Amino acid sequence: MDIQITGPGTGSMYQSFVPDGSVVINAGGLIPLRAEDRNITYTSFMEQYMASGAPYLKALYYPINDRPKGIKRQQLVKLIREAAKLIMNGFSMPVNPRDNLAPDGQLFVELCEKDKALCELITARARGTGFDCYHFWVEELIHERGPWREVVGSD
């Protein structure tokens, strides 16, 4: 039985080495919404595209709204049991790419389906523009962080 438990970041890259029919559990991490207030966080799974592009595995995610409260043993055990059940019962492959995304990744795909012009605008790379200008994670757009945050000034 092959279950990989990881958080966001480089650890997610190791899912490339799990055998067909494995399950990957992403426990997520916490990202500060604003640099000036590190107490307000949101859940980040980051490399969701790795699971989305792996039709030979099933991805599970720690509940996005519960993650800011910390990782709870009971919830993690529940995910491990769900993963074991998927492996023991089998799941159909190839896995639909959208099914291997966390809720915010699925929301981003839905956004792009509904507004193709906006999707092109936020994902296209302008000629001659430095890469740093395109630091982009789905979570940043969905949670309105960084360049996606509306700043309302006082006049």
N, C-alpha and C. Protein backbone atom coordinates (compact mmCIF):
# COMPACT_ATOMS: atom_id res chain seq x y z
N MET A 1 0.85 -1.17 0.00
CA MET A 1 0.00 0.00 0.00
C MET A 1 0.90 1.23 0.00
N ASP A 2 0.72 2.10 -0.99
CA ASP A 2 1.56 3.29 -1.11
C ASP A 2 0.75 4.55 -0.88
N ILE A 3 1.03 5.19 0.26
CA ILE A 3 0.42 6.46 0.61
C ILE A 3 1.56 7.42 0.91
N GLN A 4 1.56 8.55 0.23
CA GLN A 4 2.55 9.59 0.52
C GLN A 4 1.82 10.73 1.22
N ILE A 5 2.36 11.15 2.35
CA ILE A 5 1.82 12.30 3.06
C ILE A 5 2.86 13.40 2.94
N THR A 6 2.42 14.53 2.45
CA THR A 6 3.34 15.64 2.20
C THR A 6 2.67 16.96 2.55
N GLY A 7 3.45 17.99 2.54
CA GLY A 7 2.93 19.33 2.65
C GLY A 7 3.19 20.02 1.33
N PRO A 8 2.97 21.32 1.27
CA PRO A 8 3.26 22.02 0.02
C PRO A 8 4.77 22.14 -0.18
N GLY A 9 5.15 22.36 -1.41
CA GLY A 9 6.57 22.56 -1.69
C GLY A 9 7.22 21.37 -2.34
N THR A 10 8.52 21.31 -2.21
CA THR A 10 9.33 20.31 -2.91
C THR A 10 8.93 18.88 -2.59
N GLY A 11 8.47 18.62 -1.38
CA GLY A 11 8.05 17.27 -1.02
C GLY A 11 6.99 16.71 -1.96
N SER A 12 6.19 17.60 -2.53
CA SER A 12 5.15 17.17 -3.47
C SER A 12 5.75 16.59 -4.74
N MET A 13 6.96 16.96 -5.05
CA MET A 13 7.59 16.47 -6.28
C MET A 13 7.88 14.97 -6.22
N TYR A 14 8.00 14.42 -5.02
CA TYR A 14 8.30 13.00 -4.89
C TYR A 14 7.14 12.10 -5.31
N GLN A 15 5.96 12.66 -5.47
CA GLN A 15 4.83 11.85 -5.91
C GLN A 15 5.06 11.28 -7.30
N SER A 16 5.99 11.84 -8.03
CA SER A 16 6.33 11.31 -9.35
C SER A 16 6.87 9.89 -9.27
N PHE A 17 7.34 9.50 -8.09
CA PHE A 17 7.97 8.19 -7.93
C PHE A 17 7.06 7.13 -7.31
N VAL A 18 5.84 7.50 -6.95
CA VAL A 18 4.94 6.50 -6.35
C VAL A 18 4.36 5.62 -7.45
N PRO A 19 4.09 4.35 -7.14
CA PRO A 19 3.56 3.45 -8.16
C PRO A 19 2.11 3.79 -8.53
N ASP A 20 1.69 3.31 -9.68
CA ASP A 20 0.30 3.47 -10.12
C ASP A 20 -0.64 2.97 -9.03
N GLY A 21 -1.73 3.70 -8.84
CA GLY A 21 -2.72 3.30 -7.84
C GLY A 21 -2.43 3.80 -6.45
N SER A 22 -1.44 4.66 -6.29
CA SER A 22 -1.09 5.22 -4.99
C SER A 22 -1.99 6.41 -4.67
N VAL A 23 -1.94 6.83 -3.41
CA VAL A 23 -2.69 8.00 -2.97
C VAL A 23 -1.71 8.96 -2.30
N VAL A 24 -1.84 10.23 -2.65
CA VAL A 24 -1.02 11.29 -2.06
C VAL A 24 -1.92 12.16 -1.21
N ILE A 25 -1.51 12.40 0.02
CA ILE A 25 -2.25 13.28 0.93
C ILE A 25 -1.41 14.54 1.12
N ASN A 26 -1.98 15.69 0.77
CA ASN A 26 -1.30 16.96 0.96
C ASN A 26 -1.92 17.61 2.20
N ALA A 27 -1.12 17.74 3.25
CA ALA A 27 -1.60 18.32 4.51
C ALA A 27 -1.65 19.83 4.47
N GLY A 28 -1.06 20.45 3.45
CA GLY A 28 -1.11 21.89 3.30
C GLY A 28 -0.21 22.62 4.28
N GLY A 29 -0.08 23.88 4.04
CA GLY A 29 0.70 24.76 4.90
C GLY A 29 -0.07 26.06 5.07
N LEU A 30 0.46 26.94 5.88
CA LEU A 30 -0.19 28.22 6.13
C LEU A 30 0.66 29.35 5.60
N ILE A 31 0.02 30.24 4.87
CA ILE A 31 0.69 31.40 4.28
C ILE A 31 0.06 32.66 4.86
N PRO A 32 0.87 33.62 5.32
CA PRO A 32 0.29 34.87 5.82
C PRO A 32 -0.40 35.61 4.68
N LEU A 33 -1.58 36.12 4.95
CA LEU A 33 -2.32 36.86 3.94
C LEU A 33 -1.61 38.17 3.60
N ARG A 34 -1.06 38.80 4.64
CA ARG A 34 -0.31 40.05 4.44
C ARG A 34 0.98 39.98 5.25
N ALA A 35 2.03 40.52 4.69
CA ALA A 35 3.33 40.50 5.38
C ALA A 35 3.28 41.23 6.72
N GLU A 36 2.47 42.28 6.79
CA GLU A 36 2.42 43.08 8.02
C GLU A 36 1.63 42.40 9.15
N ASP A 37 0.85 41.39 8.84
CA ASP A 37 0.09 40.68 9.86
C ASP A 37 0.19 39.18 9.61
N ARG A 38 1.14 38.54 10.24
CA ARG A 38 1.40 37.12 10.00
C ARG A 38 0.42 36.20 10.75
N ASN A 39 -0.50 36.80 11.53
CA ASN A 39 -1.47 35.99 12.26
C ASN A 39 -2.68 35.62 11.41
N ILE A 40 -2.88 36.33 10.31
CA ILE A 40 -3.99 36.03 9.40
C ILE A 40 -3.42 35.19 8.27
N THR A 41 -3.82 33.92 8.22
CA THR A 41 -3.25 33.00 7.24
C THR A 41 -4.35 32.34 6.41
N TYR A 42 -3.92 31.72 5.34
CA TYR A 42 -4.81 30.87 4.55
C TYR A 42 -4.06 29.59 4.22
N THR A 43 -4.81 28.58 3.86
CA THR A 43 -4.24 27.27 3.54
C THR A 43 -3.65 27.29 2.14
N SER A 44 -2.45 26.74 2.02
CA SER A 44 -1.79 26.65 0.72
C SER A 44 -1.34 25.21 0.48
N PHE A 45 -1.71 24.69 -0.69
CA PHE A 45 -1.28 23.35 -1.09
C PHE A 45 -0.21 23.43 -2.18
N MET A 46 -0.01 24.58 -2.74
CA MET A 46 0.97 24.92 -3.77
C MET A 46 0.98 23.99 -4.98
N GLU A 47 1.80 22.97 -5.01
CA GLU A 47 2.02 22.18 -6.23
C GLU A 47 0.87 21.24 -6.58
N GLN A 48 -0.33 21.75 -6.60
CA GLN A 48 -1.50 20.95 -6.97
C GLN A 48 -1.38 20.44 -8.40
N TYR A 49 -0.69 21.20 -9.23
CA TYR A 49 -0.55 20.81 -10.64
C TYR A 49 0.18 19.47 -10.78
N MET A 50 1.01 19.13 -9.80
CA MET A 50 1.71 17.84 -9.85
C MET A 50 0.70 16.68 -9.75
N ALA A 51 -0.24 16.80 -8.82
CA ALA A 51 -1.26 15.76 -8.67
C ALA A 51 -2.24 15.80 -9.84
N SER A 52 -2.58 16.99 -10.27
CA SER A 52 -3.52 17.14 -11.38
C SER A 52 -2.98 16.50 -12.65
N GLY A 53 -1.69 16.55 -12.82
CA GLY A 53 -1.06 15.99 -14.01
C GLY A 53 -0.62 14.54 -13.86
N ALA A 54 -1.04 13.90 -12.78
CA ALA A 54 -0.64 12.50 -12.54
C ALA A 54 -1.88 11.61 -12.54
N PRO A 55 -2.28 11.11 -13.70
CA PRO A 55 -3.52 10.34 -13.80
C PRO A 55 -3.46 8.96 -13.16
N TYR A 56 -2.29 8.59 -12.64
CA TYR A 56 -2.10 7.26 -12.06
C TYR A 56 -2.20 7.25 -10.54
N LEU A 57 -2.52 8.41 -9.94
CA LEU A 57 -2.66 8.47 -8.49
C LEU A 57 -3.89 9.29 -8.14
N LYS A 58 -4.29 9.19 -6.88
CA LYS A 58 -5.40 9.96 -6.35
C LYS A 58 -4.86 10.89 -5.29
N ALA A 59 -5.27 12.15 -5.35
CA ALA A 59 -4.82 13.15 -4.37
C ALA A 59 -5.95 13.47 -3.39
N LEU A 60 -5.59 13.53 -2.13
CA LEU A 60 -6.50 13.96 -1.07
C LEU A 60 -5.86 15.17 -0.39
N TYR A 61 -6.70 16.04 0.14
CA TYR A 61 -6.20 17.27 0.76
C TYR A 61 -6.82 17.44 2.15
N TYR A 62 -6.00 17.94 3.07
CA TYR A 62 -6.51 18.28 4.40
C TYR A 62 -7.60 19.32 4.19
N PRO A 63 -8.71 19.27 4.94
CA PRO A 63 -9.78 20.24 4.72
C PRO A 63 -9.27 21.69 4.78
N ILE A 64 -9.50 22.40 3.69
CA ILE A 64 -8.91 23.73 3.50
C ILE A 64 -9.30 24.71 4.60
N ASN A 65 -10.54 24.64 5.09
CA ASN A 65 -10.98 25.59 6.13
C ASN A 65 -10.56 25.18 7.53
N ASP A 66 -10.18 23.92 7.71
CA ASP A 66 -9.74 23.45 9.03
C ASP A 66 -8.23 23.61 9.23
N ARG A 67 -7.48 23.68 8.15
CA ARG A 67 -6.01 23.68 8.24
C ARG A 67 -5.46 24.85 9.06
N PRO A 68 -6.05 26.07 8.99
CA PRO A 68 -5.51 27.17 9.81
C PRO A 68 -5.59 26.90 11.32
N LYS A 69 -6.39 25.94 11.73
CA LYS A 69 -6.51 25.59 13.15
C LYS A 69 -5.44 24.58 13.57
N GLY A 70 -4.56 24.21 12.63
CA GLY A 70 -3.52 23.24 12.92
C GLY A 70 -3.88 21.87 12.38
N ILE A 71 -2.89 20.99 12.34
CA ILE A 71 -3.13 19.62 11.87
C ILE A 71 -3.59 18.80 13.06
N LYS A 72 -4.78 18.27 12.95
CA LYS A 72 -5.37 17.46 14.02
C LYS A 72 -5.19 15.98 13.69
N ARG A 73 -4.74 15.24 14.67
CA ARG A 73 -4.46 13.81 14.49
C ARG A 73 -5.68 13.06 13.93
N GLN A 74 -6.84 13.32 14.50
CA GLN A 74 -8.06 12.62 14.09
C GLN A 74 -8.35 12.86 12.60
N GLN A 75 -8.18 14.07 12.14
CA GLN A 75 -8.44 14.38 10.73
C GLN A 75 -7.41 13.71 9.82
N LEU A 76 -6.16 13.70 10.24
CA LEU A 76 -5.12 13.06 9.44
C LEU A 76 -5.35 11.55 9.36
N VAL A 77 -5.73 10.94 10.47
CA VAL A 77 -6.04 9.51 10.48
C VAL A 77 -7.21 9.22 9.55
N LYS A 78 -8.20 10.10 9.55
CA LYS A 78 -9.36 9.94 8.65
C LYS A 78 -8.91 9.95 7.19
N LEU A 79 -8.00 10.86 6.85
CA LEU A 79 -7.48 10.91 5.47
C LEU A 79 -6.67 9.66 5.13
N ILE A 80 -5.89 9.18 6.08
CA ILE A 80 -5.10 7.96 5.84
C ILE A 80 -6.03 6.76 5.62
N ARG A 81 -7.08 6.68 6.41
CA ARG A 81 -8.05 5.58 6.23
C ARG A 81 -8.76 5.69 4.88
N GLU A 82 -9.10 6.91 4.49
CA GLU A 82 -9.73 7.11 3.18
C GLU A 82 -8.77 6.69 2.06
N ALA A 83 -7.50 7.05 2.21
CA ALA A 83 -6.49 6.67 1.22
C ALA A 83 -6.36 5.15 1.14
N ALA A 84 -6.31 4.50 2.29
CA ALA A 84 -6.19 3.03 2.32
C ALA A 84 -7.40 2.38 1.66
N LYS A 85 -8.57 2.92 1.92
CA LYS A 85 -9.80 2.37 1.32
C LYS A 85 -9.77 2.53 -0.20
N LEU A 86 -9.31 3.69 -0.67
CA LEU A 86 -9.20 3.90 -2.12
C LEU A 86 -8.25 2.88 -2.75
N ILE A 87 -7.14 2.64 -2.08
CA ILE A 87 -6.16 1.69 -2.61
C ILE A 87 -6.71 0.26 -2.58
N MET A 88 -7.30 -0.12 -1.47
CA MET A 88 -7.81 -1.50 -1.33
C MET A 88 -8.97 -1.78 -2.29
N ASN A 89 -9.85 -0.78 -2.47
CA ASN A 89 -11.00 -0.95 -3.36
C ASN A 89 -10.65 -0.65 -4.81
N GLY A 90 -9.54 0.05 -5.00
CA GLY A 90 -9.15 0.47 -6.34
C GLY A 90 -9.94 1.71 -6.75
N PHE A 91 -9.37 2.46 -7.64
CA PHE A 91 -10.07 3.62 -8.21
C PHE A 91 -9.76 3.63 -9.69
N SER A 92 -10.68 4.22 -10.45
CA SER A 92 -10.51 4.17 -11.90
C SER A 92 -9.41 5.14 -12.34
N MET A 93 -8.63 4.65 -13.29
CA MET A 93 -7.57 5.46 -13.88
C MET A 93 -7.80 5.48 -15.38
N PRO A 94 -7.48 6.55 -16.03
CA PRO A 94 -6.82 7.73 -15.48
C PRO A 94 -7.77 8.56 -14.62
N VAL A 95 -7.20 9.17 -13.59
CA VAL A 95 -7.96 10.04 -12.71
C VAL A 95 -8.16 11.37 -13.43
N ASN A 96 -9.36 11.89 -13.36
CA ASN A 96 -9.67 13.19 -13.96
C ASN A 96 -8.77 14.25 -13.32
N PRO A 97 -8.05 15.05 -14.12
CA PRO A 97 -7.13 16.05 -13.55
C PRO A 97 -7.79 16.98 -12.53
N ARG A 98 -9.03 17.38 -12.80
CA ARG A 98 -9.72 18.29 -11.89
C ARG A 98 -10.00 17.63 -10.53
N ASP A 99 -10.23 16.32 -10.54
CA ASP A 99 -10.51 15.60 -9.29
C ASP A 99 -9.30 15.55 -8.37
N ASN A 100 -8.12 15.79 -8.91
CA ASN A 100 -6.90 15.77 -8.11
C ASN A 100 -6.47 17.16 -7.65
N LEU A 101 -7.36 18.12 -7.76
CA LEU A 101 -7.08 19.48 -7.27
C LEU A 101 -7.78 19.70 -5.94
N ALA A 102 -7.19 20.57 -5.12
CA ALA A 102 -7.83 21.01 -3.88
C ALA A 102 -8.98 21.96 -4.25
N PRO A 103 -9.83 22.32 -3.29
CA PRO A 103 -10.97 23.20 -3.60
C PRO A 103 -10.57 24.52 -4.27
N ASP A 104 -9.47 25.13 -3.84
CA ASP A 104 -9.09 26.40 -4.46
C ASP A 104 -8.58 26.19 -5.89
N GLY A 105 -7.93 25.08 -6.16
CA GLY A 105 -7.52 24.76 -7.52
C GLY A 105 -8.71 24.52 -8.42
N GLN A 106 -9.72 23.83 -7.89
CA GLN A 106 -10.95 23.60 -8.66
C GLN A 106 -11.66 24.92 -8.94
N LEU A 107 -11.65 25.82 -7.96
CA LEU A 107 -12.27 27.13 -8.14
C LEU A 107 -11.55 27.92 -9.23
N PHE A 108 -10.23 27.83 -9.26
CA PHE A 108 -9.46 28.53 -10.30
C PHE A 108 -9.82 27.99 -11.68
N VAL A 109 -9.93 26.68 -11.83
CA VAL A 109 -10.30 26.09 -13.12
C VAL A 109 -11.69 26.57 -13.52
N GLU A 110 -12.60 26.61 -12.57
CA GLU A 110 -13.96 27.09 -12.85
C GLU A 110 -13.94 28.55 -13.30
N LEU A 111 -13.13 29.36 -12.64
CA LEU A 111 -12.98 30.77 -13.01
C LEU A 111 -12.51 30.88 -14.46
N CYS A 112 -11.51 30.09 -14.82
CA CYS A 112 -10.97 30.14 -16.19
C CYS A 112 -11.99 29.65 -17.22
N GLU A 113 -12.80 28.68 -16.84
CA GLU A 113 -13.84 28.19 -17.76
C GLU A 113 -14.91 29.25 -18.00
N LYS A 114 -15.23 30.00 -16.97
CA LYS A 114 -16.30 31.00 -17.07
C LYS A 114 -15.83 32.31 -17.69
N ASP A 115 -14.55 32.65 -17.52
CA ASP A 115 -14.04 33.93 -18.04
C ASP A 115 -12.69 33.69 -18.70
N LYS A 116 -12.74 33.28 -19.95
CA LYS A 116 -11.51 32.93 -20.69
C LYS A 116 -10.60 34.14 -20.89
N ALA A 117 -11.19 35.32 -21.07
CA ALA A 117 -10.37 36.53 -21.26
C ALA A 117 -9.57 36.84 -19.99
N LEU A 118 -10.23 36.75 -18.85
CA LEU A 118 -9.52 36.98 -17.58
C LEU A 118 -8.44 35.92 -17.38
N CYS A 119 -8.77 34.69 -17.68
CA CYS A 119 -7.80 33.60 -17.51
C CYS A 119 -6.56 33.86 -18.37
N GLU A 120 -6.75 34.27 -19.59
CA GLU A 120 -5.63 34.58 -20.48
C GLU A 120 -4.81 35.74 -19.91
N LEU A 121 -5.50 36.75 -19.41
CA LEU A 121 -4.82 37.92 -18.85
C LEU A 121 -3.95 37.56 -17.65
N ILE A 122 -4.44 36.70 -16.78
CA ILE A 122 -3.70 36.39 -15.56
C ILE A 122 -2.69 35.27 -15.72
N THR A 123 -2.76 34.52 -16.82
CA THR A 123 -1.81 33.42 -17.00
C THR A 123 -0.83 33.64 -18.14
N ALA A 124 -1.13 34.56 -19.05
CA ALA A 124 -0.23 34.81 -20.19
C ALA A 124 1.00 35.57 -19.72
N ARG A 125 2.09 35.34 -20.38
CA ARG A 125 3.34 36.02 -20.05
C ARG A 125 3.66 37.03 -21.15
N ALA A 126 3.72 38.28 -20.77
CA ALA A 126 3.99 39.35 -21.74
C ALA A 126 5.45 39.30 -22.17
N ARG A 127 5.69 39.50 -23.45
CA ARG A 127 7.04 39.50 -23.99
C ARG A 127 7.88 40.59 -23.31
N GLY A 128 9.10 40.23 -22.93
CA GLY A 128 10.02 41.19 -22.35
C GLY A 128 9.78 41.48 -20.87
N THR A 129 8.88 40.75 -20.25
CA THR A 129 8.60 40.96 -18.84
C THR A 129 9.38 39.95 -18.02
N GLY A 130 10.02 40.43 -16.97
CA GLY A 130 10.81 39.55 -16.12
C GLY A 130 9.96 38.49 -15.43
N PHE A 131 10.56 37.36 -15.14
CA PHE A 131 9.84 36.24 -14.53
C PHE A 131 9.28 36.60 -13.16
N ASP A 132 9.99 37.41 -12.39
CA ASP A 132 9.51 37.76 -11.05
C ASP A 132 8.13 38.39 -11.07
N CYS A 133 7.80 39.04 -12.17
CA CYS A 133 6.47 39.66 -12.28
C CYS A 133 5.38 38.61 -12.38
N TYR A 134 5.77 37.38 -12.63
CA TYR A 134 4.79 36.33 -12.81
C TYR A 134 4.86 35.29 -11.70
N HIS A 135 5.28 35.72 -10.53
CA HIS A 135 5.24 34.82 -9.38
C HIS A 135 3.77 34.53 -9.13
N PHE A 136 3.34 33.32 -9.41
CA PHE A 136 1.91 33.04 -9.40
C PHE A 136 1.62 31.67 -8.83
N TRP A 137 0.81 31.66 -7.81
CA TRP A 137 0.25 30.42 -7.29
C TRP A 137 -1.25 30.62 -7.30
N VAL A 138 -1.98 29.57 -7.60
CA VAL A 138 -3.44 29.64 -7.63
C VAL A 138 -3.96 30.25 -6.33
N GLU A 139 -3.38 29.85 -5.21
CA GLU A 139 -3.84 30.33 -3.91
C GLU A 139 -3.76 31.85 -3.79
N GLU A 140 -2.74 32.45 -4.38
CA GLU A 140 -2.59 33.90 -4.27
C GLU A 140 -3.74 34.63 -4.94
N LEU A 141 -4.18 34.14 -6.06
CA LEU A 141 -5.31 34.76 -6.75
C LEU A 141 -6.60 34.50 -5.98
N ILE A 142 -6.85 33.26 -5.63
CA ILE A 142 -8.10 32.90 -4.95
C ILE A 142 -8.24 33.61 -3.61
N HIS A 143 -7.15 33.74 -2.87
CA HIS A 143 -7.19 34.38 -1.55
C HIS A 143 -6.82 35.87 -1.60
N GLU A 144 -6.68 36.40 -2.81
CA GLU A 144 -6.39 37.82 -3.04
C GLU A 144 -5.17 38.29 -2.25
N ARG A 145 -4.07 37.60 -2.48
CA ARG A 145 -2.81 37.93 -1.81
C ARG A 145 -1.85 38.60 -2.78
N GLY A 146 -0.95 39.40 -2.26
CA GLY A 146 0.09 40.02 -3.09
C GLY A 146 -0.51 40.92 -4.16
N PRO A 147 -0.11 40.72 -5.43
CA PRO A 147 -0.58 41.61 -6.49
C PRO A 147 -2.08 41.47 -6.76
N TRP A 148 -2.70 40.46 -6.21
CA TRP A 148 -4.14 40.24 -6.44
C TRP A 148 -4.98 40.88 -5.35
N ARG A 149 -4.33 41.50 -4.39
CA ARG A 149 -5.04 42.12 -3.26
C ARG A 149 -5.43 43.54 -3.62
N GLU A 150 -6.68 43.85 -3.38
CA GLU A 150 -7.13 45.22 -3.59
C GLU A 150 -6.74 46.03 -2.35
N VAL A 151 -6.04 47.13 -2.59
CA VAL A 151 -5.64 47.99 -1.49
C VAL A 151 -6.51 49.23 -1.55
N VAL A 152 -7.25 49.45 -0.50
CA VAL A 152 -8.14 50.60 -0.44
C VAL A 152 -7.48 51.63 0.46
N GLY A 153 -7.15 52.75 -0.13
CA GLY A 153 -6.49 53.80 0.63
C GLY A 153 -7.49 54.77 1.21
N SER A 154 -7.05 55.56 2.16
CA SER A 154 -7.93 56.59 2.73
C SER A 154 -7.55 57.93 2.13
N ASP A 155 -8.54 58.65 1.71
CA ASP A 155 -8.31 59.97 1.08
C ASP A 155 -8.43 61.07 2.09
